[in-house]
Amino acid sequence: MTDNTSKYHPALTITNVKSLIPITLDANHGMYHSWAALFKVLCRVHDLTHYIIPPTEAPELTAYQASKSADLAFWKRLDAAVLNWIYSSISPDLLSVILLKDDTAHGA
């Protein structure tokens, strides 16, 4: 088992995603496109877009799967960070709808 406590990724330092995504996604306020655009920008800044939109092209898919399997524990840790961003930037009503045990950022 790999010790992931010493691994660093800038995404792991984000503690207040609301300062980066000032829109709270809510089913009652048609702000999905704005929220999604800001969320994708945040993921692009940290090179984590593949956590929410896995690649479909063969070369990128192969590289994605290789990086995931190279250190699955760290991959899961980063996935949990992105999932936490999602959970922290949506309304409580939406959270109760999408919250699942052992979910992934892509699943959410």
PDB file of N, CA and C in Angstrom:
ATOM      1  N   MET A   1       0.836  -1.170   0.000  1.00  0.00           N
ATOM      2  CA  MET A   1       0.000   0.000   0.000  1.00  0.00           C
ATOM      3  C   MET A   1       0.885   1.240   0.000  1.00  0.00           C
ATOM      4  N   THR A   2       0.514   2.233  -0.789  1.00  0.00           N
ATOM      5  CA  THR A   2       1.288   3.459  -0.920  1.00  0.00           C
ATOM      6  C   THR A   2       0.873   4.464   0.140  1.00  0.00           C
ATOM      7  N   ASP A   3       1.856   5.182   0.671  1.00  0.00           N
ATOM      8  CA  ASP A   3       1.562   6.230   1.634  1.00  0.00           C
ATOM      9  C   ASP A   3       1.204   7.501   0.875  1.00  0.00           C
ATOM     10  N   ASN A   4      -0.056   7.876   0.904  1.00  0.00           N
ATOM     11  CA  ASN A   4      -0.521   9.034   0.156  1.00  0.00           C
ATOM     12  C   ASN A   4      -0.538  10.314   0.975  1.00  0.00           C
ATOM     13  N   THR A   5      -0.159  10.248   2.228  1.00  0.00           N
ATOM     14  CA  THR A   5      -0.205  11.446   3.046  1.00  0.00           C
ATOM     15  C   THR A   5       0.829  12.473   2.600  1.00  0.00           C
ATOM     16  N   SER A   6       1.905  12.034   1.956  1.00  0.00           N
ATOM     17  CA  SER A   6       2.938  12.963   1.523  1.00  0.00           C
ATOM     18  C   SER A   6       2.707  13.473   0.101  1.00  0.00           C
ATOM     19  N   LYS A   7       1.756  12.917  -0.612  1.00  0.00           N
ATOM     20  CA  LYS A   7       1.475  13.373  -1.974  1.00  0.00           C
ATOM     21  C   LYS A   7       0.768  14.712  -1.931  1.00  0.00           C
ATOM     22  N   TYR A   8       1.119  15.567  -2.876  1.00  0.00           N
ATOM     23  CA  TYR A   8       0.551  16.901  -2.928  1.00  0.00           C
ATOM     24  C   TYR A   8      -0.099  17.146  -4.273  1.00  0.00           C
ATOM     25  N   HIS A   9      -1.228  17.788  -4.240  1.00  0.00           N
ATOM     26  CA  HIS A   9      -1.882  18.305  -5.429  1.00  0.00           C
ATOM     27  C   HIS A   9      -2.567  19.587  -4.993  1.00  0.00           C
ATOM     28  N   PRO A  10      -2.475  20.657  -5.771  1.00  0.00           N
ATOM     29  CA  PRO A  10      -3.069  21.933  -5.359  1.00  0.00           C
ATOM     30  C   PRO A  10      -4.564  21.836  -5.027  1.00  0.00           C
ATOM     31  N   ALA A  11      -5.257  20.917  -5.652  1.00  0.00           N
ATOM     32  CA  ALA A  11      -6.697  20.770  -5.396  1.00  0.00           C
ATOM     33  C   ALA A  11      -6.975  20.397  -3.947  1.00  0.00           C
ATOM     34  N   LEU A  12      -6.028  19.752  -3.305  1.00  0.00           N
ATOM     35  CA  LEU A  12      -6.231  19.309  -1.929  1.00  0.00           C
ATOM     36  C   LEU A  12      -6.166  20.462  -0.929  1.00  0.00           C
ATOM     37  N   THR A  13      -5.748  21.631  -1.372  1.00  0.00           N
ATOM     38  CA  THR A  13      -5.652  22.790  -0.478  1.00  0.00           C
ATOM     39  C   THR A  13      -6.908  23.652  -0.496  1.00  0.00           C
ATOM     40  N   ILE A  14      -7.828  23.386  -1.395  1.00  0.00           N
ATOM     41  CA  ILE A  14      -9.040  24.206  -1.500  1.00  0.00           C
ATOM     42  C   ILE A  14      -9.989  23.834  -0.363  1.00  0.00           C
ATOM     43  N   THR A  15     -10.232  24.794   0.494  1.00  0.00           N
ATOM     44  CA  THR A  15     -11.131  24.545   1.620  1.00  0.00           C
ATOM     45  C   THR A  15     -12.438  25.307   1.493  1.00  0.00           C
ATOM     46  N   ASN A  16     -12.469  26.328   0.640  1.00  0.00           N
ATOM     47  CA  ASN A  16     -13.683  27.112   0.451  1.00  0.00           C
ATOM     48  C   ASN A  16     -13.985  27.240  -1.034  1.00  0.00           C
ATOM     49  N   VAL A  17     -14.635  26.231  -1.588  1.00  0.00           N
ATOM     50  CA  VAL A  17     -14.924  26.227  -3.017  1.00  0.00           C
ATOM     51  C   VAL A  17     -15.915  27.327  -3.388  1.00  0.00           C
ATOM     52  N   LYS A  18     -16.693  27.807  -2.428  1.00  0.00           N
ATOM     53  CA  LYS A  18     -17.665  28.865  -2.712  1.00  0.00           C
ATOM     54  C   LYS A  18     -16.980  30.175  -3.097  1.00  0.00           C
ATOM     55  N   SER A  19     -15.739  30.355  -2.703  1.00  0.00           N
ATOM     56  CA  SER A  19     -15.015  31.551  -3.128  1.00  0.00           C
ATOM     57  C   SER A  19     -14.589  31.438  -4.591  1.00  0.00           C
ATOM     58  N   LEU A  20     -14.532  30.222  -5.103  1.00  0.00           N
ATOM     59  CA  LEU A  20     -14.141  29.987  -6.496  1.00  0.00           C
ATOM     60  C   LEU A  20     -15.342  29.747  -7.399  1.00  0.00           C
ATOM     61  N   ILE A  21     -16.418  29.237  -6.818  1.00  0.00           N
ATOM     62  CA  ILE A  21     -17.679  29.027  -7.536  1.00  0.00           C
ATOM     63  C   ILE A  21     -18.755  29.747  -6.729  1.00  0.00           C
ATOM     64  N   PRO A  22     -18.951  31.052  -7.003  1.00  0.00           N
ATOM     65  CA  PRO A  22     -19.864  31.840  -6.177  1.00  0.00           C
ATOM     66  C   PRO A  22     -21.347  31.547  -6.421  1.00  0.00           C
ATOM     67  N   ILE A  23     -21.652  30.682  -7.357  1.00  0.00           N
ATOM     68  CA  ILE A  23     -23.042  30.317  -7.653  1.00  0.00           C
ATOM     69  C   ILE A  23     -23.354  28.996  -6.965  1.00  0.00           C
ATOM     70  N   THR A  24     -24.450  28.968  -6.222  1.00  0.00           N
ATOM     71  CA  THR A  24     -24.906  27.712  -5.636  1.00  0.00           C
ATOM     72  C   THR A  24     -25.917  27.110  -6.595  1.00  0.00           C
ATOM     73  N   LEU A  25     -25.641  25.902  -7.047  1.00  0.00           N
ATOM     74  CA  LEU A  25     -26.558  25.240  -7.968  1.00  0.00           C
ATOM     75  C   LEU A  25     -27.817  24.860  -7.218  1.00  0.00           C
ATOM     76  N   ASP A  26     -28.951  25.318  -7.744  1.00  0.00           N
ATOM     77  CA  ASP A  26     -30.245  25.100  -7.112  1.00  0.00           C
ATOM     78  C   ASP A  26     -31.239  24.761  -8.210  1.00  0.00           C
ATOM     79  N   ALA A  27     -32.058  23.766  -7.980  1.00  0.00           N
ATOM     80  CA  ALA A  27     -33.034  23.329  -8.986  1.00  0.00           C
ATOM     81  C   ALA A  27     -34.045  24.408  -9.327  1.00  0.00           C
ATOM     82  N   ASN A  28     -34.253  25.350  -8.432  1.00  0.00           N
ATOM     83  CA  ASN A  28     -35.282  26.372  -8.640  1.00  0.00           C
ATOM     84  C   ASN A  28     -34.792  27.645  -9.316  1.00  0.00           C
ATOM     85  N   HIS A  29     -33.499  27.762  -9.555  1.00  0.00           N
ATOM     86  CA  HIS A  29     -32.949  28.987 -10.149  1.00  0.00           C
ATOM     87  C   HIS A  29     -32.099  28.630 -11.357  1.00  0.00           C
ATOM     88  N   GLY A  30     -32.594  28.580 -12.517  1.00  0.00           N
ATOM     89  CA  GLY A  30     -31.922  28.162 -13.734  1.00  0.00           C
ATOM     90  C   GLY A  30     -30.501  28.646 -13.928  1.00  0.00           C
ATOM     91  N   MET A  31     -29.612  28.306 -13.032  1.00  0.00           N
ATOM     92  CA  MET A  31     -28.217  28.733 -13.109  1.00  0.00           C
ATOM     93  C   MET A  31     -27.274  27.592 -13.468  1.00  0.00           C
ATOM     94  N   TYR A  32     -27.803  26.488 -13.961  1.00  0.00           N
ATOM     95  CA  TYR A  32     -26.960  25.316 -14.209  1.00  0.00           C
ATOM     96  C   TYR A  32     -25.799  25.634 -15.143  1.00  0.00           C
ATOM     97  N   HIS A  33     -26.067  26.301 -16.257  1.00  0.00           N
ATOM     98  CA  HIS A  33     -25.006  26.536 -17.244  1.00  0.00           C
ATOM     99  C   HIS A  33     -23.890  27.410 -16.673  1.00  0.00           C
ATOM    100  N   SER A  34     -24.252  28.417 -15.895  1.00  0.00           N
ATOM    101  CA  SER A  34     -23.235  29.263 -15.272  1.00  0.00           C
ATOM    102  C   SER A  34     -22.438  28.469 -14.242  1.00  0.00           C
ATOM    103  N   TRP A  35     -23.155  27.705 -13.404  1.00  0.00           N
ATOM    104  CA  TRP A  35     -22.482  26.887 -12.391  1.00  0.00           C
ATOM    105  C   TRP A  35     -21.555  25.876 -13.059  1.00  0.00           C
ATOM    106  N   ALA A  36     -22.056  25.181 -14.082  1.00  0.00           N
ATOM    107  CA  ALA A  36     -21.257  24.159 -14.768  1.00  0.00           C
ATOM    108  C   ALA A  36     -20.023  24.772 -15.422  1.00  0.00           C
ATOM    109  N   ALA A  37     -20.168  25.950 -16.010  1.00  0.00           N
ATOM    110  CA  ALA A  37     -19.019  26.610 -16.643  1.00  0.00           C
ATOM    111  C   ALA A  37     -17.950  26.935 -15.603  1.00  0.00           C
ATOM    112  N   LEU A  38     -18.359  27.485 -14.468  1.00  0.00           N
ATOM    113  CA  LEU A  38     -17.399  27.795 -13.403  1.00  0.00           C
ATOM    114  C   LEU A  38     -16.769  26.526 -12.836  1.00  0.00           C
ATOM    115  N   PHE A  39     -17.567  25.485 -12.696  1.00  0.00           N
ATOM    116  CA  PHE A  39     -17.039  24.235 -12.155  1.00  0.00           C
ATOM    117  C   PHE A  39     -16.009  23.616 -13.105  1.00  0.00           C
ATOM    118  N   LYS A  40     -16.301  23.649 -14.399  1.00  0.00           N
ATOM    119  CA  LYS A  40     -15.356  23.107 -15.380  1.00  0.00           C
ATOM    120  C   LYS A  40     -14.066  23.916 -15.406  1.00  0.00           C
ATOM    121  N   VAL A  41     -14.171  25.230 -15.250  1.00  0.00           N
ATOM    122  CA  VAL A  41     -12.966  26.069 -15.199  1.00  0.00           C
ATOM    123  C   VAL A  41     -12.113  25.677 -13.997  1.00  0.00           C
ATOM    124  N   LEU A  42     -12.749  25.508 -12.843  1.00  0.00           N
ATOM    125  CA  LEU A  42     -12.016  25.095 -11.650  1.00  0.00           C
ATOM    126  C   LEU A  42     -11.300  23.766 -11.882  1.00  0.00           C
ATOM    127  N   CYS A  43     -11.990  22.820 -12.487  1.00  0.00           N
ATOM    128  CA  CYS A  43     -11.367  21.519 -12.769  1.00  0.00           C
ATOM    129  C   CYS A  43     -10.239  21.645 -13.779  1.00  0.00           C
ATOM    130  N   ARG A  44     -10.407  22.512 -14.787  1.00  0.00           N
ATOM    131  CA  ARG A  44      -9.349  22.719 -15.783  1.00  0.00           C
ATOM    132  C   ARG A  44      -8.119  23.353 -15.148  1.00  0.00           C
ATOM    133  N   VAL A  45      -8.330  24.328 -14.275  1.00  0.00           N
ATOM    134  CA  VAL A  45      -7.213  24.995 -13.604  1.00  0.00           C
ATOM    135  C   VAL A  45      -6.348  23.981 -12.871  1.00  0.00           C
ATOM    136  N   HIS A  46      -6.988  22.991 -12.278  1.00  0.00           N
ATOM    137  CA  HIS A  46      -6.263  21.992 -11.483  1.00  0.00           C
ATOM    138  C   HIS A  46      -6.023  20.689 -12.244  1.00  0.00           C
ATOM    139  N   ASP A  47      -6.269  20.706 -13.549  1.00  0.00           N
ATOM    140  CA  ASP A  47      -6.058  19.543 -14.411  1.00  0.00           C
ATOM    141  C   ASP A  47      -6.803  18.313 -13.879  1.00  0.00           C
ATOM    142  N   LEU A  48      -8.074  18.522 -13.515  1.00  0.00           N
ATOM    143  CA  LEU A  48      -8.894  17.440 -12.973  1.00  0.00           C
ATOM    144  C   LEU A  48     -10.187  17.243 -13.768  1.00  0.00           C
ATOM    145  N   THR A  49     -10.251  17.786 -14.951  1.00  0.00           N
ATOM    146  CA  THR A  49     -11.464  17.670 -15.763  1.00  0.00           C
ATOM    147  C   THR A  49     -11.835  16.215 -15.999  1.00  0.00           C
ATOM    148  N   HIS A  50     -10.845  15.342 -16.127  1.00  0.00           N
ATOM    149  CA  HIS A  50     -11.124  13.926 -16.374  1.00  0.00           C
ATOM    150  C   HIS A  50     -11.880  13.254 -15.230  1.00  0.00           C
ATOM    151  N   TYR A  51     -11.922  13.900 -14.073  1.00  0.00           N
ATOM    152  CA  TYR A  51     -12.700  13.335 -12.958  1.00  0.00           C
ATOM    153  C   TYR A  51     -14.197  13.529 -13.158  1.00  0.00           C
ATOM    154  N   ILE A  52     -14.579  14.571 -13.899  1.00  0.00           N
ATOM    155  CA  ILE A  52     -15.996  14.801 -14.154  1.00  0.00           C
ATOM    156  C   ILE A  52     -16.397  14.432 -15.577  1.00  0.00           C
ATOM    157  N   ILE A  53     -15.450  14.475 -16.504  1.00  0.00           N
ATOM    158  CA  ILE A  53     -15.702  14.121 -17.903  1.00  0.00           C
ATOM    159  C   ILE A  53     -14.569  13.207 -18.361  1.00  0.00           C
ATOM    160  N   PRO A  54     -14.719  11.897 -18.167  1.00  0.00           N
ATOM    161  CA  PRO A  54     -13.651  10.977 -18.586  1.00  0.00           C
ATOM    162  C   PRO A  54     -13.419  11.054 -20.091  1.00  0.00           C
ATOM    163  N   PRO A  55     -12.187  10.880 -20.523  1.00  0.00           N
ATOM    164  CA  PRO A  55     -11.888  10.949 -21.959  1.00  0.00           C
ATOM    165  C   PRO A  55     -12.561   9.817 -22.730  1.00  0.00           C
ATOM    166  N   THR A  56     -12.817  10.087 -24.000  1.00  0.00           N
ATOM    167  CA  THR A  56     -13.434   9.073 -24.855  1.00  0.00           C
ATOM    168  C   THR A  56     -12.522   8.655 -26.008  1.00  0.00           C
ATOM    169  N   GLU A  57     -11.569   9.501 -26.358  1.00  0.00           N
ATOM    170  CA  GLU A  57     -10.624   9.176 -27.429  1.00  0.00           C
ATOM    171  C   GLU A  57      -9.636   8.126 -26.916  1.00  0.00           C
ATOM    172  N   ALA A  58      -9.305   7.169 -27.756  1.00  0.00           N
ATOM    173  CA  ALA A  58      -8.479   6.026 -27.346  1.00  0.00           C
ATOM    174  C   ALA A  58      -7.156   6.416 -26.671  1.00  0.00           C
ATOM    175  N   PRO A  59      -6.344   7.304 -27.256  1.00  0.00           N
ATOM    176  CA  PRO A  59      -5.056   7.621 -26.607  1.00  0.00           C
ATOM    177  C   PRO A  59      -5.235   8.271 -25.237  1.00  0.00           C
ATOM    178  N   GLU A  60      -6.186   9.220 -25.132  1.00  0.00           N
ATOM    179  CA  GLU A  60      -6.424   9.890 -23.857  1.00  0.00           C
ATOM    180  C   GLU A  60      -7.020   8.929 -22.837  1.00  0.00           C
ATOM    181  N   LEU A  61      -7.895   8.034 -23.298  1.00  0.00           N
ATOM    182  CA  LEU A  61      -8.511   7.054 -22.411  1.00  0.00           C
ATOM    183  C   LEU A  61      -7.456   6.103 -21.850  1.00  0.00           C
ATOM    184  N   THR A  62      -6.532   5.684 -22.688  1.00  0.00           N
ATOM    185  CA  THR A  62      -5.454   4.794 -22.253  1.00  0.00           C
ATOM    186  C   THR A  62      -4.586   5.481 -21.203  1.00  0.00           C
ATOM    187  N   ALA A  63      -4.217   6.741 -21.451  1.00  0.00           N
ATOM    188  CA  ALA A  63      -3.402   7.491 -20.491  1.00  0.00           C
ATOM    189  C   ALA A  63      -4.160   7.701 -19.183  1.00  0.00           C
ATOM    190  N   TYR A  64      -5.446   7.996 -19.285  1.00  0.00           N
ATOM    191  CA  TYR A  64      -6.290   8.194 -18.097  1.00  0.00           C
ATOM    192  C   TYR A  64      -6.343   6.922 -17.257  1.00  0.00           C
ATOM    193  N   GLN A  65      -6.593   5.800 -17.885  1.00  0.00           N
ATOM    194  CA  GLN A  65      -6.676   4.529 -17.159  1.00  0.00           C
ATOM    195  C   GLN A  65      -5.329   4.150 -16.547  1.00  0.00           C
ATOM    196  N   ALA A  66      -4.250   4.435 -17.262  1.00  0.00           N
ATOM    197  CA  ALA A  66      -2.914   4.132 -16.732  1.00  0.00           C
ATOM    198  C   ALA A  66      -2.608   4.982 -15.501  1.00  0.00           C
ATOM    199  N   SER A  67      -2.939   6.270 -15.563  1.00  0.00           N
ATOM    200  CA  SER A  67      -2.664   7.131 -14.412  1.00  0.00           C
ATOM    201  C   SER A  67      -3.544   6.756 -13.223  1.00  0.00           C
ATOM    202  N   LYS A  68      -4.754   6.331 -13.501  1.00  0.00           N
ATOM    203  CA  LYS A  68      -5.665   5.916 -12.428  1.00  0.00           C
ATOM    204  C   LYS A  68      -5.148   4.645 -11.751  1.00  0.00           C
ATOM    205  N   SER A  69      -4.727   3.686 -12.546  1.00  0.00           N
ATOM    206  CA  SER A  69      -4.277   2.421 -11.962  1.00  0.00           C
ATOM    207  C   SER A  69      -2.874   2.519 -11.356  1.00  0.00           C
ATOM    208  N   ALA A  70      -2.095   3.517 -11.757  1.00  0.00           N
ATOM    209  CA  ALA A  70      -0.742   3.671 -11.219  1.00  0.00           C
ATOM    210  C   ALA A  70      -0.758   3.972  -9.723  1.00  0.00           C
ATOM    211  N   ASP A  71      -1.749   4.721  -9.284  1.00  0.00           N
ATOM    212  CA  ASP A  71      -1.871   5.034  -7.861  1.00  0.00           C
ATOM    213  C   ASP A  71      -3.345   5.254  -7.551  1.00  0.00           C
ATOM    214  N   LEU A  72      -4.074   4.173  -7.453  1.00  0.00           N
ATOM    215  CA  LEU A  72      -5.525   4.221  -7.282  1.00  0.00           C
ATOM    216  C   LEU A  72      -5.922   4.956  -6.006  1.00  0.00           C
ATOM    217  N   ALA A  73      -5.181   4.779  -4.945  1.00  0.00           N
ATOM    218  CA  ALA A  73      -5.523   5.447  -3.683  1.00  0.00           C
ATOM    219  C   ALA A  73      -5.455   6.969  -3.837  1.00  0.00           C
ATOM    220  N   PHE A  74      -4.412   7.474  -4.505  1.00  0.00           N
ATOM    221  CA  PHE A  74      -4.296   8.922  -4.705  1.00  0.00           C
ATOM    222  C   PHE A  74      -5.355   9.404  -5.681  1.00  0.00           C
ATOM    223  N   TRP A  75      -5.660   8.623  -6.711  1.00  0.00           N
ATOM    224  CA  TRP A  75      -6.715   8.959  -7.659  1.00  0.00           C
ATOM    225  C   TRP A  75      -8.047   9.100  -6.912  1.00  0.00           C
ATOM    226  N   LYS A  76      -8.332   8.179  -6.004  1.00  0.00           N
ATOM    227  CA  LYS A  76      -9.577   8.242  -5.231  1.00  0.00           C
ATOM    228  C   LYS A  76      -9.597   9.464  -4.318  1.00  0.00           C
ATOM    229  N   ARG A  77      -8.442   9.825  -3.803  1.00  0.00           N
ATOM    230  CA  ARG A  77      -8.357  11.001  -2.930  1.00  0.00           C
ATOM    231  C   ARG A  77      -8.686  12.272  -3.711  1.00  0.00           C
ATOM    232  N   LEU A  78      -8.119  12.403  -4.908  1.00  0.00           N
ATOM    233  CA  LEU A  78      -8.429  13.563  -5.742  1.00  0.00           C
ATOM    234  C   LEU A  78      -9.890  13.542  -6.195  1.00  0.00           C
ATOM    235  N   ASP A  79     -10.403  12.361  -6.504  1.00  0.00           N
ATOM    236  CA  ASP A  79     -11.811  12.248  -6.879  1.00  0.00           C
ATOM    237  C   ASP A  79     -12.701  12.720  -5.730  1.00  0.00           C
ATOM    238  N   ALA A  80     -12.341  12.359  -4.509  1.00  0.00           N
ATOM    239  CA  ALA A  80     -13.110  12.788  -3.343  1.00  0.00           C
ATOM    240  C   ALA A  80     -13.041  14.309  -3.182  1.00  0.00           C
ATOM    241  N   ALA A  81     -11.916  14.914  -3.522  1.00  0.00           N
ATOM    242  CA  ALA A  81     -11.799  16.377  -3.449  1.00  0.00           C
ATOM    243  C   ALA A  81     -12.759  17.033  -4.431  1.00  0.00           C
ATOM    244  N   VAL A  82     -12.789  16.527  -5.662  1.00  0.00           N
ATOM    245  CA  VAL A  82     -13.699  17.078  -6.678  1.00  0.00           C
ATOM    246  C   VAL A  82     -15.146  16.829  -6.261  1.00  0.00           C
ATOM    247  N   LEU A  83     -15.431  15.657  -5.743  1.00  0.00           N
ATOM    248  CA  LEU A  83     -16.775  15.340  -5.272  1.00  0.00           C
ATOM    249  C   LEU A  83     -17.173  16.295  -4.140  1.00  0.00           C
ATOM    250  N   ASN A  84     -16.245  16.600  -3.265  1.00  0.00           N
ATOM    251  CA  ASN A  84     -16.506  17.551  -2.192  1.00  0.00           C
ATOM    252  C   ASN A  84     -16.821  18.937  -2.751  1.00  0.00           C
ATOM    253  N   TRP A  85     -16.133  19.341  -3.822  1.00  0.00           N
ATOM    254  CA  TRP A  85     -16.437  20.621  -4.469  1.00  0.00           C
ATOM    255  C   TRP A  85     -17.882  20.636  -4.957  1.00  0.00           C
ATOM    256  N   ILE A  86     -18.294  19.528  -5.564  1.00  0.00           N
ATOM    257  CA  ILE A  86     -19.673  19.445  -6.057  1.00  0.00           C
ATOM    258  C   ILE A  86     -20.639  19.581  -4.887  1.00  0.00           C
ATOM    259  N   TYR A  87     -20.439  18.765  -3.869  1.00  0.00           N
ATOM    260  CA  TYR A  87     -21.331  18.778  -2.718  1.00  0.00           C
ATOM    261  C   TYR A  87     -21.374  20.150  -2.047  1.00  0.00           C
ATOM    262  N   SER A  88     -20.250  20.863  -2.048  1.00  0.00           N
ATOM    263  CA  SER A  88     -20.162  22.160  -1.368  1.00  0.00           C
ATOM    264  C   SER A  88     -20.737  23.304  -2.180  1.00  0.00           C
ATOM    265  N   SER A  89     -21.039  23.072  -3.439  1.00  0.00           N
ATOM    266  CA  SER A  89     -21.495  24.168  -4.296  1.00  0.00           C
ATOM    267  C   SER A  89     -22.913  23.961  -4.822  1.00  0.00           C
ATOM    268  N   ILE A  90     -23.648  23.037  -4.207  1.00  0.00           N
ATOM    269  CA  ILE A  90     -25.042  22.826  -4.606  1.00  0.00           C
ATOM    270  C   ILE A  90     -25.948  23.020  -3.393  1.00  0.00           C
ATOM    271  N   SER A  91     -27.209  23.222  -3.666  1.00  0.00           N
ATOM    272  CA  SER A  91     -28.173  23.461  -2.588  1.00  0.00           C
ATOM    273  C   SER A  91     -28.396  22.190  -1.772  1.00  0.00           C
ATOM    274  N   PRO A  92     -28.845  22.347  -0.540  1.00  0.00           N
ATOM    275  CA  PRO A  92     -29.149  21.169   0.282  1.00  0.00           C
ATOM    276  C   PRO A  92     -30.194  20.245  -0.367  1.00  0.00           C
ATOM    277  N   ASP A  93     -31.162  20.823  -1.073  1.00  0.00           N
ATOM    278  CA  ASP A  93     -32.172  19.997  -1.746  1.00  0.00           C
ATOM    279  C   ASP A  93     -31.543  19.122  -2.820  1.00  0.00           C
ATOM    280  N   LEU A  94     -30.656  19.697  -3.642  1.00  0.00           N
ATOM    281  CA  LEU A  94     -29.971  18.899  -4.669  1.00  0.00           C
ATOM    282  C   LEU A  94     -29.035  17.888  -4.028  1.00  0.00           C
ATOM    283  N   LEU A  95     -28.368  18.292  -2.968  1.00  0.00           N
ATOM    284  CA  LEU A  95     -27.458  17.387  -2.283  1.00  0.00           C
ATOM    285  C   LEU A  95     -28.195  16.138  -1.809  1.00  0.00           C
ATOM    286  N   SER A  96     -29.376  16.318  -1.256  1.00  0.00           N
ATOM    287  CA  SER A  96     -30.127  15.159  -0.770  1.00  0.00           C
ATOM    288  C   SER A  96     -30.566  14.246  -1.908  1.00  0.00           C
ATOM    289  N   VAL A  97     -30.678  14.789  -3.118  1.00  0.00           N
ATOM    290  CA  VAL A  97     -31.064  13.984  -4.282  1.00  0.00           C
ATOM    291  C   VAL A  97     -29.880  13.185  -4.823  1.00  0.00           C
ATOM    292  N   ILE A  98     -28.688  13.796  -4.867  1.00  0.00           N
ATOM    293  CA  ILE A  98     -27.549  13.121  -5.513  1.00  0.00           C
ATOM    294  C   ILE A  98     -26.632  12.380  -4.564  1.00  0.00           C
ATOM    295  N   LEU A  99     -26.761  12.622  -3.265  1.00  0.00           N
ATOM    296  CA  LEU A  99     -25.838  12.027  -2.299  1.00  0.00           C
ATOM    297  C   LEU A  99     -25.991  10.507  -2.256  1.00  0.00           C
ATOM    298  N   LEU A 100     -24.916   9.828  -2.615  1.00  0.00           N
ATOM    299  CA  LEU A 100     -24.887   8.365  -2.616  1.00  0.00           C
ATOM    300  C   LEU A 100     -23.624   7.888  -1.913  1.00  0.00           C
ATOM    301  N   LYS A 101     -23.730   6.777  -1.231  1.00  0.00           N
ATOM    302  CA  LYS A 101     -22.567   6.171  -0.601  1.00  0.00           C
ATOM    303  C   LYS A 101     -21.597   5.716  -1.694  1.00  0.00           C
ATOM    304  N   ASP A 102     -20.322   5.988  -1.503  1.00  0.00           N
ATOM    305  CA  ASP A 102     -19.254   5.565  -2.424  1.00  0.00           C
ATOM    306  C   ASP A 102     -19.409   6.121  -3.840  1.00  0.00           C
ATOM    307  N   ASP A 103     -19.992   7.319  -3.982  1.00  0.00           N
ATOM    308  CA  ASP A 103     -20.145   7.925  -5.294  1.00  0.00           C
ATOM    309  C   ASP A 103     -18.803   8.483  -5.764  1.00  0.00           C
ATOM    310  N   THR A 104     -18.730   8.815  -7.030  1.00  0.00           N
ATOM    311  CA  THR A 104     -17.555   9.449  -7.618  1.00  0.00           C
ATOM    312  C   THR A 104     -17.959  10.822  -8.129  1.00  0.00           C
ATOM    313  N   ALA A 105     -16.978  11.647  -8.434  1.00  0.00           N
ATOM    314  CA  ALA A 105     -17.269  12.969  -8.985  1.00  0.00           C
ATOM    315  C   ALA A 105     -18.020  12.824 -10.304  1.00  0.00           C
ATOM    316  N   HIS A 106     -17.594  11.899 -11.125  1.00  0.00           N
ATOM    317  CA  HIS A 106     -18.275  11.692 -12.403  1.00  0.00           C
ATOM    318  C   HIS A 106     -19.713  11.225 -12.180  1.00  0.00           C
ATOM    319  N   GLY A 107     -19.930  10.380 -11.223  1.00  0.00           N
ATOM    320  CA  GLY A 107     -21.280   9.893 -10.917  1.00  0.00           C
ATOM    321  C   GLY A 107     -22.197  10.992 -10.421  1.00  0.00           C
ATOM    322  N   ALA A 108     -21.640  11.882  -9.615  1.00  0.00           N
ATOM    323  CA  ALA A 108     -22.447  12.984  -9.085  1.00  0.00           C
ATOM    324  C   ALA A 108     -22.793  13.967 -10.181  1.00  0.00           C
TER     325      ALA A 108
END
